[in-house]
mmCIF file of all heavy atoms, coordinates in Angstrom:
data_MODEL
# 
_entry.id   MODEL 
# 
loop_
_atom_site.group_PDB 
_atom_site.id 
_atom_site.type_symbol 
_atom_site.label_atom_id 
_atom_site.label_alt_id 
_atom_site.label_comp_id 
_atom_site.label_asym_id 
_atom_site.label_entity_id 
_atom_site.label_seq_id 
_atom_site.pdbx_PDB_ins_code 
_atom_site.Cartn_x 
_atom_site.Cartn_y 
_atom_site.Cartn_z 
_atom_site.occupancy 
_atom_site.B_iso_or_equiv 
_atom_site.pdbx_formal_charge 
_atom_site.auth_seq_id 
_atom_site.auth_comp_id 
_atom_site.auth_asym_id 
_atom_site.auth_atom_id 
_atom_site.pdbx_PDB_model_num 
ATOM 1   N N   . ALA A 1 1  ? -5.772  -1.848 -15.975 1.00 0.00 ? 1  ALA A N   1 
ATOM 2   C CA  . ALA A 1 1  ? -6.296  -1.205 -17.180 1.00 0.00 ? 1  ALA A CA  1 
ATOM 3   C C   . ALA A 1 1  ? -5.365  -0.091 -17.647 1.00 0.00 ? 1  ALA A C   1 
ATOM 4   O O   . ALA A 1 1  ? -5.139  0.083  -18.852 1.00 0.00 ? 1  ALA A O   1 
ATOM 5   C CB  . ALA A 1 1  ? -7.697  -0.657 -16.912 1.00 0.00 ? 1  ALA A CB  1 
ATOM 6   N N   . SER A 1 2  ? -4.801  0.648  -16.687 1.00 0.00 ? 2  SER A N   1 
ATOM 7   C CA  . SER A 1 2  ? -3.869  1.718  -17.044 1.00 0.00 ? 2  SER A CA  1 
ATOM 8   C C   . SER A 1 2  ? -2.620  1.149  -17.723 1.00 0.00 ? 2  SER A C   1 
ATOM 9   O O   . SER A 1 2  ? -2.101  1.731  -18.678 1.00 0.00 ? 2  SER A O   1 
ATOM 10  C CB  . SER A 1 2  ? -3.475  2.507  -15.800 1.00 0.00 ? 2  SER A CB  1 
ATOM 11  O OG  . SER A 1 2  ? -4.590  3.195  -15.259 1.00 0.00 ? 2  SER A OG  1 
ATOM 12  N N   . ARG A 1 3  ? -2.146  0.013  -17.240 1.00 0.00 ? 3  ARG A N   1 
ATOM 13  C CA  . ARG A 1 3  ? -0.984  -0.618 -17.869 1.00 0.00 ? 3  ARG A CA  1 
ATOM 14  C C   . ARG A 1 3  ? -1.304  -1.047 -19.295 1.00 0.00 ? 3  ARG A C   1 
ATOM 15  O O   . ARG A 1 3  ? -0.472  -0.891 -20.198 1.00 0.00 ? 3  ARG A O   1 
ATOM 16  C CB  . ARG A 1 3  ? -0.539  -1.836 -17.050 1.00 0.00 ? 3  ARG A CB  1 
ATOM 17  C CG  . ARG A 1 3  ? -0.068  -1.497 -15.658 1.00 0.00 ? 3  ARG A CG  1 
ATOM 18  C CD  . ARG A 1 3  ? 0.262   -2.758 -14.863 1.00 0.00 ? 3  ARG A CD  1 
ATOM 19  N NE  . ARG A 1 3  ? 0.297   -2.491 -13.429 1.00 0.00 ? 3  ARG A NE  1 
ATOM 20  C CZ  . ARG A 1 3  ? 0.536   -3.399 -12.501 1.00 0.00 ? 3  ARG A CZ  1 
ATOM 21  N NH1 . ARG A 1 3  ? 0.776   -4.657 -12.873 1.00 0.00 ? 3  ARG A NH1 1 
ATOM 22  N NH2 . ARG A 1 3  ? 0.545   -3.082 -11.221 1.00 0.00 ? 3  ARG A NH2 1 
ATOM 23  N N   . LEU A 1 4  ? -2.512  -1.578 -19.494 1.00 0.00 ? 4  LEU A N   1 
ATOM 24  C CA  . LEU A 1 4  ? -2.905  -1.997 -20.838 1.00 0.00 ? 4  LEU A CA  1 
ATOM 25  C C   . LEU A 1 4  ? -2.968  -0.813 -21.797 1.00 0.00 ? 4  LEU A C   1 
ATOM 26  O O   . LEU A 1 4  ? -2.591  -0.920 -22.969 1.00 0.00 ? 4  LEU A O   1 
ATOM 27  C CB  . LEU A 1 4  ? -4.267  -2.706 -20.788 1.00 0.00 ? 4  LEU A CB  1 
ATOM 28  C CG  . LEU A 1 4  ? -4.309  -4.046 -20.044 1.00 0.00 ? 4  LEU A CG  1 
ATOM 29  C CD1 . LEU A 1 4  ? -5.738  -4.592 -20.035 1.00 0.00 ? 4  LEU A CD1 1 
ATOM 30  C CD2 . LEU A 1 4  ? -3.354  -5.059 -20.656 1.00 0.00 ? 4  LEU A CD2 1 
ATOM 31  N N   . VAL A 1 5  ? -3.434  0.327  -21.298 1.00 0.00 ? 5  VAL A N   1 
ATOM 32  C CA  . VAL A 1 5  ? -3.475  1.540  -22.128 1.00 0.00 ? 5  VAL A CA  1 
ATOM 33  C C   . VAL A 1 5  ? -2.056  1.959  -22.503 1.00 0.00 ? 5  VAL A C   1 
ATOM 34  O O   . VAL A 1 5  ? -1.772  2.285  -23.662 1.00 0.00 ? 5  VAL A O   1 
ATOM 35  C CB  . VAL A 1 5  ? -4.197  2.682  -21.388 1.00 0.00 ? 5  VAL A CB  1 
ATOM 36  C CG1 . VAL A 1 5  ? -4.061  3.996  -22.176 1.00 0.00 ? 5  VAL A CG1 1 
ATOM 37  C CG2 . VAL A 1 5  ? -5.676  2.354  -21.186 1.00 0.00 ? 5  VAL A CG2 1 
ATOM 38  N N   . ARG A 1 6  ? -1.145  1.958  -21.523 1.00 0.00 ? 6  ARG A N   1 
ATOM 39  C CA  . ARG A 1 6  ? 0.238   2.375  -21.783 1.00 0.00 ? 6  ARG A CA  1 
ATOM 40  C C   . ARG A 1 6  ? 0.934   1.461  -22.786 1.00 0.00 ? 6  ARG A C   1 
ATOM 41  O O   . ARG A 1 6  ? 1.803   1.901  -23.539 1.00 0.00 ? 6  ARG A O   1 
ATOM 42  C CB  . ARG A 1 6  ? 1.040   2.397  -20.475 1.00 0.00 ? 6  ARG A CB  1 
ATOM 43  C CG  . ARG A 1 6  ? 0.580   3.463  -19.504 1.00 0.00 ? 6  ARG A CG  1 
ATOM 44  C CD  . ARG A 1 6  ? 1.322   3.403  -18.176 1.00 0.00 ? 6  ARG A CD  1 
ATOM 45  N NE  . ARG A 1 6  ? 0.547   4.107  -17.165 1.00 0.00 ? 6  ARG A NE  1 
ATOM 46  C CZ  . ARG A 1 6  ? 0.243   3.623  -15.972 1.00 0.00 ? 6  ARG A CZ  1 
ATOM 47  N NH1 . ARG A 1 6  ? 0.679   2.407  -15.625 1.00 0.00 ? 6  ARG A NH1 1 
ATOM 48  N NH2 . ARG A 1 6  ? -0.472  4.329  -15.118 1.00 0.00 ? 6  ARG A NH2 1 
ATOM 49  N N   . LYS A 1 7  ? 0.537   0.192  -22.802 1.00 0.00 ? 7  LYS A N   1 
ATOM 50  C CA  . LYS A 1 7  ? 1.124   -0.767 -23.746 1.00 0.00 ? 7  LYS A CA  1 
ATOM 51  C C   . LYS A 1 7  ? 0.455   -0.682 -25.123 1.00 0.00 ? 7  LYS A C   1 
ATOM 52  O O   . LYS A 1 7  ? 0.864   -1.361 -26.059 1.00 0.00 ? 7  LYS A O   1 
ATOM 53  C CB  . LYS A 1 7  ? 0.990   -2.194 -23.210 1.00 0.00 ? 7  LYS A CB  1 
ATOM 54  C CG  . LYS A 1 7  ? 1.712   -2.452 -21.899 1.00 0.00 ? 7  LYS A CG  1 
ATOM 55  C CD  . LYS A 1 7  ? 1.449   -3.868 -21.406 1.00 0.00 ? 7  LYS A CD  1 
ATOM 56  C CE  . LYS A 1 7  ? 1.827   -4.062 -19.951 1.00 0.00 ? 7  LYS A CE  1 
ATOM 57  N NZ  . LYS A 1 7  ? 3.238   -3.836 -19.679 1.00 0.00 ? 7  LYS A NZ  1 
ATOM 58  N N   . GLY A 1 8  ? -0.600  0.136  -25.225 1.00 0.00 ? 8  GLY A N   1 
ATOM 59  C CA  . GLY A 1 8  ? -1.308  0.265  -26.488 1.00 0.00 ? 8  GLY A CA  1 
ATOM 60  C C   . GLY A 1 8  ? -2.220  -0.906 -26.803 1.00 0.00 ? 8  GLY A C   1 
ATOM 61  O O   . GLY A 1 8  ? -2.623  -1.098 -27.957 1.00 0.00 ? 8  GLY A O   1 
ATOM 62  N N   . LEU A 1 9  ? -2.596  -1.683 -25.780 1.00 0.00 ? 9  LEU A N   1 
ATOM 63  C CA  . LEU A 1 9  ? -3.413  -2.881 -26.001 1.00 0.00 ? 9  LEU A CA  1 
ATOM 64  C C   . LEU A 1 9  ? -4.903  -2.580 -25.962 1.00 0.00 ? 9  LEU A C   1 
ATOM 65  O O   . LEU A 1 9  ? -5.703  -3.341 -26.505 1.00 0.00 ? 9  LEU A O   1 
ATOM 66  C CB  . LEU A 1 9  ? -3.069  -3.955 -24.960 1.00 0.00 ? 9  LEU A CB  1 
ATOM 67  C CG  . LEU A 1 9  ? -1.617  -4.449 -25.000 1.00 0.00 ? 9  LEU A CG  1 
ATOM 68  C CD1 . LEU A 1 9  ? -1.342  -5.433 -23.873 1.00 0.00 ? 9  LEU A CD1 1 
ATOM 69  C CD2 . LEU A 1 9  ? -1.329  -5.112 -26.360 1.00 0.00 ? 9  LEU A CD2 1 
ATOM 70  N N   . ILE A 1 10 ? -5.291  -1.512 -25.263 1.00 0.00 ? 10 ILE A N   1 
ATOM 71  C CA  . ILE A 1 10 ? -6.689  -1.063 -25.254 1.00 0.00 ? 10 ILE A CA  1 
ATOM 72  C C   . ILE A 1 10 ? -6.707  0.458  -25.292 1.00 0.00 ? 10 ILE A C   1 
ATOM 73  O O   . ILE A 1 10 ? -5.699  1.112  -25.024 1.00 0.00 ? 10 ILE A O   1 
ATOM 74  C CB  . ILE A 1 10 ? -7.460  -1.567 -24.003 1.00 0.00 ? 10 ILE A CB  1 
ATOM 75  C CG1 . ILE A 1 10 ? -6.848  -1.001 -22.719 1.00 0.00 ? 10 ILE A CG1 1 
ATOM 76  C CG2 . ILE A 1 10 ? -7.508  -3.084 -23.962 1.00 0.00 ? 10 ILE A CG2 1 
ATOM 77  C CD1 . ILE A 1 10 ? -7.654  -1.317 -21.456 1.00 0.00 ? 10 ILE A CD1 1 
ATOM 78  N N   . THR A 1 11 ? -7.868  1.013  -25.613 1.00 0.00 ? 11 THR A N   1 
ATOM 79  C CA  . THR A 1 11 ? -8.014  2.459  -25.602 1.00 0.00 ? 11 THR A CA  1 
ATOM 80  C C   . THR A 1 11 ? -8.396  2.938  -24.205 1.00 0.00 ? 11 THR A C   1 
ATOM 81  O O   . THR A 1 11 ? -8.785  2.138  -23.344 1.00 0.00 ? 11 THR A O   1 
ATOM 82  C CB  . THR A 1 11 ? -9.118  2.906  -26.581 1.00 0.00 ? 11 THR A CB  1 
ATOM 83  O OG1 . THR A 1 11 ? -10.394 2.417  -26.105 1.00 0.00 ? 11 THR A OG1 1 
ATOM 84  C CG2 . THR A 1 11 ? -8.850  2.377  -27.984 1.00 0.00 ? 11 THR A CG2 1 
ATOM 85  N N   . ARG A 1 12 ? -8.331  4.223  -24.001 1.00 0.00 ? 12 ARG A N   1 
ATOM 86  C CA  . ARG A 1 12 ? -8.731  4.761  -22.703 1.00 0.00 ? 12 ARG A CA  1 
ATOM 87  C C   . ARG A 1 12 ? -10.212 4.518  -22.447 1.00 0.00 ? 12 ARG A C   1 
ATOM 88  O O   . ARG A 1 12 ? -10.616 4.195  -21.326 1.00 0.00 ? 12 ARG A O   1 
ATOM 89  C CB  . ARG A 1 12 ? -8.417  6.256  -22.621 1.00 0.00 ? 12 ARG A CB  1 
ATOM 90  C CG  . ARG A 1 12 ? -8.582  6.813  -21.208 1.00 0.00 ? 12 ARG A CG  1 
ATOM 91  C CD  . ARG A 1 12 ? -8.378  8.312  -21.104 1.00 0.00 ? 12 ARG A CD  1 
ATOM 92  N NE  . ARG A 1 12 ? -8.375  8.697  -19.705 1.00 0.00 ? 12 ARG A NE  1 
ATOM 93  C CZ  . ARG A 1 12 ? -9.456  8.810  -18.943 1.00 0.00 ? 12 ARG A CZ  1 
ATOM 94  N NH1 . ARG A 1 12 ? -10.663 8.556  -19.469 1.00 0.00 ? 12 ARG A NH1 1 
ATOM 95  N NH2 . ARG A 1 12 ? -9.380  9.158  -17.668 1.00 0.00 ? 12 ARG A NH2 1 
ATOM 96  N N   . ASP A 1 13 ? -11.044 4.678  -23.463 1.00 0.00 ? 13 ASP A N   1 
ATOM 97  C CA  . ASP A 1 13 ? -12.474 4.432  -23.301 1.00 0.00 ? 13 ASP A CA  1 
ATOM 98  C C   . ASP A 1 13 ? -12.747 2.988  -22.896 1.00 0.00 ? 13 ASP A C   1 
ATOM 99  O O   . ASP A 1 13 ? -13.622 2.720  -22.060 1.00 0.00 ? 13 ASP A O   1 
ATOM 100 C CB  . ASP A 1 13 ? -13.223 4.746  -24.608 1.00 0.00 ? 13 ASP A CB  1 
ATOM 101 C CG  . ASP A 1 13 ? -13.316 6.249  -24.877 1.00 0.00 ? 13 ASP A CG  1 
ATOM 102 O OD1 . ASP A 1 13 ? -13.092 7.034  -23.932 1.00 0.00 ? 13 ASP A OD1 1 
ATOM 103 O OD2 . ASP A 1 13 ? -13.602 6.624  -26.032 1.00 0.00 ? 13 ASP A OD2 1 
ATOM 104 N N   . GLU A 1 14 ? -12.015 2.060  -23.482 1.00 0.00 ? 14 GLU A N   1 
ATOM 105 C CA  . GLU A 1 14 ? -12.173 0.649  -23.101 1.00 0.00 ? 14 GLU A CA  1 
ATOM 106 C C   . GLU A 1 14 ? -11.734 0.428  -21.653 1.00 0.00 ? 14 GLU A C   1 
ATOM 107 O O   . GLU A 1 14 ? -12.349 -0.355 -20.912 1.00 0.00 ? 14 GLU A O   1 
ATOM 108 C CB  . GLU A 1 14 ? -11.353 -0.236 -24.047 1.00 0.00 ? 14 GLU A CB  1 
ATOM 109 C CG  . GLU A 1 14 ? -11.928 -0.305 -25.454 1.00 0.00 ? 14 GLU A CG  1 
ATOM 110 C CD  . GLU A 1 14 ? -10.998 -0.996 -26.431 1.00 0.00 ? 14 GLU A CD  1 
ATOM 111 O OE1 . GLU A 1 14 ? -9.767  -0.900 -26.255 1.00 0.00 ? 14 GLU A OE1 1 
ATOM 112 O OE2 . GLU A 1 14 ? -11.504 -1.643 -27.373 1.00 0.00 ? 14 GLU A OE2 1 
ATOM 113 N N   . ALA A 1 15 ? -10.684 1.131  -21.249 1.00 0.00 ? 15 ALA A N   1 
ATOM 114 C CA  . ALA A 1 15 ? -10.205 1.017  -19.871 1.00 0.00 ? 15 ALA A CA  1 
ATOM 115 C C   . ALA A 1 15 ? -11.259 1.522  -18.889 1.00 0.00 ? 15 ALA A C   1 
ATOM 116 O O   . ALA A 1 15 ? -11.480 0.912  -17.834 1.00 0.00 ? 15 ALA A O   1 
ATOM 117 C CB  . ALA A 1 15 ? -8.905  1.798  -19.703 1.00 0.00 ? 15 ALA A CB  1 
ATOM 118 N N   . VAL A 1 16 ? -11.906 2.629  -19.216 1.00 0.00 ? 16 VAL A N   1 
ATOM 119 C CA  . VAL A 1 16 ? -12.954 3.178  -18.342 1.00 0.00 ? 16 VAL A CA  1 
ATOM 120 C C   . VAL A 1 16 ? -14.058 2.152  -18.126 1.00 0.00 ? 16 VAL A C   1 
ATOM 121 O O   . VAL A 1 16 ? -14.535 1.935  -16.998 1.00 0.00 ? 16 VAL A O   1 
ATOM 122 C CB  . VAL A 1 16 ? -13.524 4.483  -18.930 1.00 0.00 ? 16 VAL A CB  1 
ATOM 123 C CG1 . VAL A 1 16 ? -14.802 4.901  -18.186 1.00 0.00 ? 16 VAL A CG1 1 
ATOM 124 C CG2 . VAL A 1 16 ? -12.496 5.607  -18.867 1.00 0.00 ? 16 VAL A CG2 1 
ATOM 125 N N   . LYS A 1 17 ? -14.475 1.483  -19.178 1.00 0.00 ? 17 LYS A N   1 
ATOM 126 C CA  . LYS A 1 17 ? -15.553 0.486  -19.069 1.00 0.00 ? 17 LYS A CA  1 
ATOM 127 C C   . LYS A 1 17 ? -15.138 -0.681 -18.179 1.00 0.00 ? 17 LYS A C   1 
ATOM 128 O O   . LYS A 1 17 ? -15.933 -1.167 -17.372 1.00 0.00 ? 17 LYS A O   1 
ATOM 129 C CB  . LYS A 1 17 ? -15.939 -0.015 -20.464 1.00 0.00 ? 17 LYS A CB  1 
ATOM 130 C CG  . LYS A 1 17 ? -16.635 1.039  -21.319 1.00 0.00 ? 17 LYS A CG  1 
ATOM 131 C CD  . LYS A 1 17 ? -16.925 0.503  -22.721 1.00 0.00 ? 17 LYS A CD  1 
ATOM 132 C CE  . LYS A 1 17 ? -17.584 1.581  -23.580 1.00 0.00 ? 17 LYS A CE  1 
ATOM 133 N NZ  . LYS A 1 17 ? -17.844 1.094  -24.975 1.00 0.00 ? 17 LYS A NZ  1 
ATOM 134 N N   . LEU A 1 18 ? -13.895 -1.120 -18.315 1.00 0.00 ? 18 LEU A N   1 
ATOM 135 C CA  . LEU A 1 18 ? -13.400 -2.209 -17.479 1.00 0.00 ? 18 LEU A CA  1 
ATOM 136 C C   . LEU A 1 18 ? -13.352 -1.796 -16.010 1.00 0.00 ? 18 LEU A C   1 
ATOM 137 O O   . LEU A 1 18 ? -13.749 -2.561 -15.120 1.00 0.00 ? 18 LEU A O   1 
ATOM 138 C CB  . LEU A 1 18 ? -12.000 -2.628 -17.935 1.00 0.00 ? 18 LEU A CB  1 
ATOM 139 C CG  . LEU A 1 18 ? -11.916 -3.402 -19.248 1.00 0.00 ? 18 LEU A CG  1 
ATOM 140 C CD1 . LEU A 1 18 ? -10.469 -3.557 -19.678 1.00 0.00 ? 18 LEU A CD1 1 
ATOM 141 C CD2 . LEU A 1 18 ? -12.565 -4.779 -19.102 1.00 0.00 ? 18 LEU A CD2 1 
ATOM 142 N N   . VAL A 1 19 ? -12.887 -0.587 -15.761 1.00 0.00 ? 19 VAL A N   1 
ATOM 143 C CA  . VAL A 1 19 ? -12.785 -0.097 -14.383 1.00 0.00 ? 19 VAL A CA  1 
ATOM 144 C C   . VAL A 1 19 ? -14.163 0.021  -13.744 1.00 0.00 ? 19 VAL A C   1 
ATOM 145 O O   . VAL A 1 19 ? -14.365 -0.376 -12.586 1.00 0.00 ? 19 VAL A O   1 
ATOM 146 C CB  . VAL A 1 19 ? -12.050 1.259  -14.357 1.00 0.00 ? 19 VAL A CB  1 
ATOM 147 C CG1 . VAL A 1 19 ? -12.200 1.929  -12.989 1.00 0.00 ? 19 VAL A CG1 1 
ATOM 148 C CG2 . VAL A 1 19 ? -10.578 1.077  -14.693 1.00 0.00 ? 19 VAL A CG2 1 
ATOM 149 N N   . GLU A 1 20 ? -15.128 0.566  -14.477 1.00 0.00 ? 20 GLU A N   1 
ATOM 150 C CA  . GLU A 1 20 ? -16.465 0.748  -13.918 1.00 0.00 ? 20 GLU A CA  1 
ATOM 151 C C   . GLU A 1 20 ? -17.171 -0.576 -13.659 1.00 0.00 ? 20 GLU A C   1 
ATOM 152 O O   . GLU A 1 20 ? -18.030 -0.673 -12.783 1.00 0.00 ? 20 GLU A O   1 
ATOM 153 C CB  . GLU A 1 20 ? -17.301 1.633  -14.849 1.00 0.00 ? 20 GLU A CB  1 
ATOM 154 C CG  . GLU A 1 20 ? -16.778 3.069  -14.899 1.00 0.00 ? 20 GLU A CG  1 
ATOM 155 C CD  . GLU A 1 20 ? -17.642 3.987  -15.754 1.00 0.00 ? 20 GLU A CD  1 
ATOM 156 O OE1 . GLU A 1 20 ? -18.581 3.479  -16.418 1.00 0.00 ? 20 GLU A OE1 1 
ATOM 157 O OE2 . GLU A 1 20 ? -17.373 5.198  -15.774 1.00 0.00 ? 20 GLU A OE2 1 
ATOM 158 N N   . LYS A 1 21 ? -16.773 -1.606 -14.375 1.00 0.00 ? 21 LYS A N   1 
ATOM 159 C CA  . LYS A 1 21 ? -17.365 -2.924 -14.179 1.00 0.00 ? 21 LYS A CA  1 
ATOM 160 C C   . LYS A 1 21 ? -16.691 -3.698 -13.049 1.00 0.00 ? 21 LYS A C   1 
ATOM 161 O O   . LYS A 1 21 ? -17.352 -4.462 -12.322 1.00 0.00 ? 21 LYS A O   1 
ATOM 162 C CB  . LYS A 1 21 ? -17.263 -3.722 -15.480 1.00 0.00 ? 21 LYS A CB  1 
ATOM 163 C CG  . LYS A 1 21 ? -17.831 -5.133 -15.394 1.00 0.00 ? 21 LYS A CG  1 
ATOM 164 C CD  . LYS A 1 21 ? -17.669 -5.868 -16.723 1.00 0.00 ? 21 LYS A CD  1 
ATOM 165 C CE  . LYS A 1 21 ? -18.227 -7.291 -16.625 1.00 0.00 ? 21 LYS A CE  1 
ATOM 166 N NZ  . LYS A 1 21 ? -18.044 -8.033 -17.904 1.00 0.00 ? 21 LYS A NZ  1 
ATOM 167 N N   . LYS A 1 22 ? -15.387 -3.487 -12.863 1.00 0.00 ? 22 LYS A N   1 
ATOM 168 C CA  . LYS A 1 22 ? -14.615 -4.363 -11.999 1.00 0.00 ? 22 LYS A CA  1 
ATOM 169 C C   . LYS A 1 22 ? -14.153 -3.746 -10.675 1.00 0.00 ? 22 LYS A C   1 
ATOM 170 O O   . LYS A 1 22 ? -14.124 -4.436 -9.646  1.00 0.00 ? 22 LYS A O   1 
ATOM 171 C CB  . LYS A 1 22 ? -13.371 -4.854 -12.754 1.00 0.00 ? 22 LYS A CB  1 
ATOM 172 C CG  . LYS A 1 22 ? -13.672 -5.749 -13.946 1.00 0.00 ? 22 LYS A CG  1 
ATOM 173 C CD  . LYS A 1 22 ? -14.043 -7.147 -13.489 1.00 0.00 ? 22 LYS A CD  1 
ATOM 174 C CE  . LYS A 1 22 ? -14.166 -8.120 -14.626 1.00 0.00 ? 22 LYS A CE  1 
ATOM 175 N NZ  . LYS A 1 22 ? -14.456 -9.497 -14.169 1.00 0.00 ? 22 LYS A NZ  1 
ATOM 176 N N   . ASP A 1 23 ? -13.733 -2.504 -10.687 1.00 0.00 ? 23 ASP A N   1 
ATOM 177 C CA  . ASP A 1 23 ? -12.953 -1.978 -9.572  1.00 0.00 ? 23 ASP A CA  1 
ATOM 178 C C   . ASP A 1 23 ? -13.657 -2.053 -8.211  1.00 0.00 ? 23 ASP A C   1 
ATOM 179 O O   . ASP A 1 23 ? -13.056 -2.418 -7.206  1.00 0.00 ? 23 ASP A O   1 
ATOM 180 C CB  . ASP A 1 23 ? -12.559 -0.526 -9.856  1.00 0.00 ? 23 ASP A CB  1 
ATOM 181 C CG  . ASP A 1 23 ? -11.065 -0.304 -9.706  1.00 0.00 ? 23 ASP A CG  1 
ATOM 182 O OD1 . ASP A 1 23 ? -10.329 -1.276 -9.486  1.00 0.00 ? 23 ASP A OD1 1 
ATOM 183 O OD2 . ASP A 1 23 ? -10.620 0.849  -9.811  1.00 0.00 ? 23 ASP A OD2 1 
ATOM 184 N N   . TYR A 1 24 ? -14.910 -1.705 -8.175  1.00 0.00 ? 24 TYR A N   1 
ATOM 185 C CA  . TYR A 1 24 ? -15.637 -1.640 -6.899  1.00 0.00 ? 24 TYR A CA  1 
ATOM 186 C C   . TYR A 1 24 ? -16.053 -3.014 -6.400  1.00 0.00 ? 24 TYR A C   1 
ATOM 187 O O   . TYR A 1 24 ? -16.303 -3.215 -5.205  1.00 0.00 ? 24 TYR A O   1 
ATOM 188 C CB  . TYR A 1 24 ? -16.910 -0.798 -7.077  1.00 0.00 ? 24 TYR A CB  1 
ATOM 189 C CG  . TYR A 1 24 ? -18.005 -1.516 -7.830  1.00 0.00 ? 24 TYR A CG  1 
ATOM 190 C CD1 . TYR A 1 24 ? -19.022 -2.178 -7.147  1.00 0.00 ? 24 TYR A CD1 1 
ATOM 191 C CD2 . TYR A 1 24 ? -18.000 -1.581 -9.230  1.00 0.00 ? 24 TYR A CD2 1 
ATOM 192 C CE1 . TYR A 1 24 ? -20.019 -2.873 -7.836  1.00 0.00 ? 24 TYR A CE1 1 
ATOM 193 C CE2 . TYR A 1 24 ? -18.978 -2.269 -9.909  1.00 0.00 ? 24 TYR A CE2 1 
ATOM 194 C CZ  . TYR A 1 24 ? -19.988 -2.903 -9.214  1.00 0.00 ? 24 TYR A CZ  1 
ATOM 195 O OH  . TYR A 1 24 ? -20.960 -3.602 -9.896  1.00 0.00 ? 24 TYR A OH  1 
ATOM 196 N N   . ASN A 1 25 ? -16.115 -3.999 -7.305  1.00 0.00 ? 25 ASN A N   1 
ATOM 197 C CA  . ASN A 1 25 ? -16.847 -5.242 -7.093  1.00 0.00 ? 25 ASN A CA  1 
ATOM 198 C C   . ASN A 1 25 ? -15.995 -6.318 -6.433  1.00 0.00 ? 25 ASN A C   1 
ATOM 199 O O   . ASN A 1 25 ? -15.664 -7.332 -7.037  1.00 0.00 ? 25 ASN A O   1 
ATOM 200 C CB  . ASN A 1 25 ? -17.376 -5.732 -8.455  1.00 0.00 ? 25 ASN A CB  1 
ATOM 201 C CG  . ASN A 1 25 ? -18.422 -6.807 -8.313  1.00 0.00 ? 25 ASN A CG  1 
ATOM 202 O OD1 . ASN A 1 25 ? -19.029 -6.977 -7.258  1.00 0.00 ? 25 ASN A OD1 1 
ATOM 203 N ND2 . ASN A 1 25 ? -18.646 -7.533 -9.395  1.00 0.00 ? 25 ASN A ND2 1 
ATOM 204 N N   . VAL A 1 26 ? -15.630 -6.117 -5.164  1.00 0.00 ? 26 VAL A N   1 
ATOM 205 C CA  . VAL A 1 26 ? -14.743 -7.056 -4.486  1.00 0.00 ? 26 VAL A CA  1 
ATOM 206 C C   . VAL A 1 26 ? -15.383 -8.439 -4.413  1.00 0.00 ? 26 VAL A C   1 
ATOM 207 O O   . VAL A 1 26 ? -16.560 -8.585 -4.081  1.00 0.00 ? 26 VAL A O   1 
ATOM 208 C CB  . VAL A 1 26 ? -14.376 -6.556 -3.073  1.00 0.00 ? 26 VAL A CB  1 
ATOM 209 C CG1 . VAL A 1 26 ? -15.588 -6.405 -2.186  1.00 0.00 ? 26 VAL A CG1 1 
ATOM 210 C CG2 . VAL A 1 26 ? -13.338 -7.477 -2.427  1.00 0.00 ? 26 VAL A CG2 1 
# 
């Protein structure tokens, strides 16, 4: 998600939502 933000493909707020949905959920 951080890479996508740096590339300008998503906003930081969008990245936060993706992280909260995905990161913990092995």
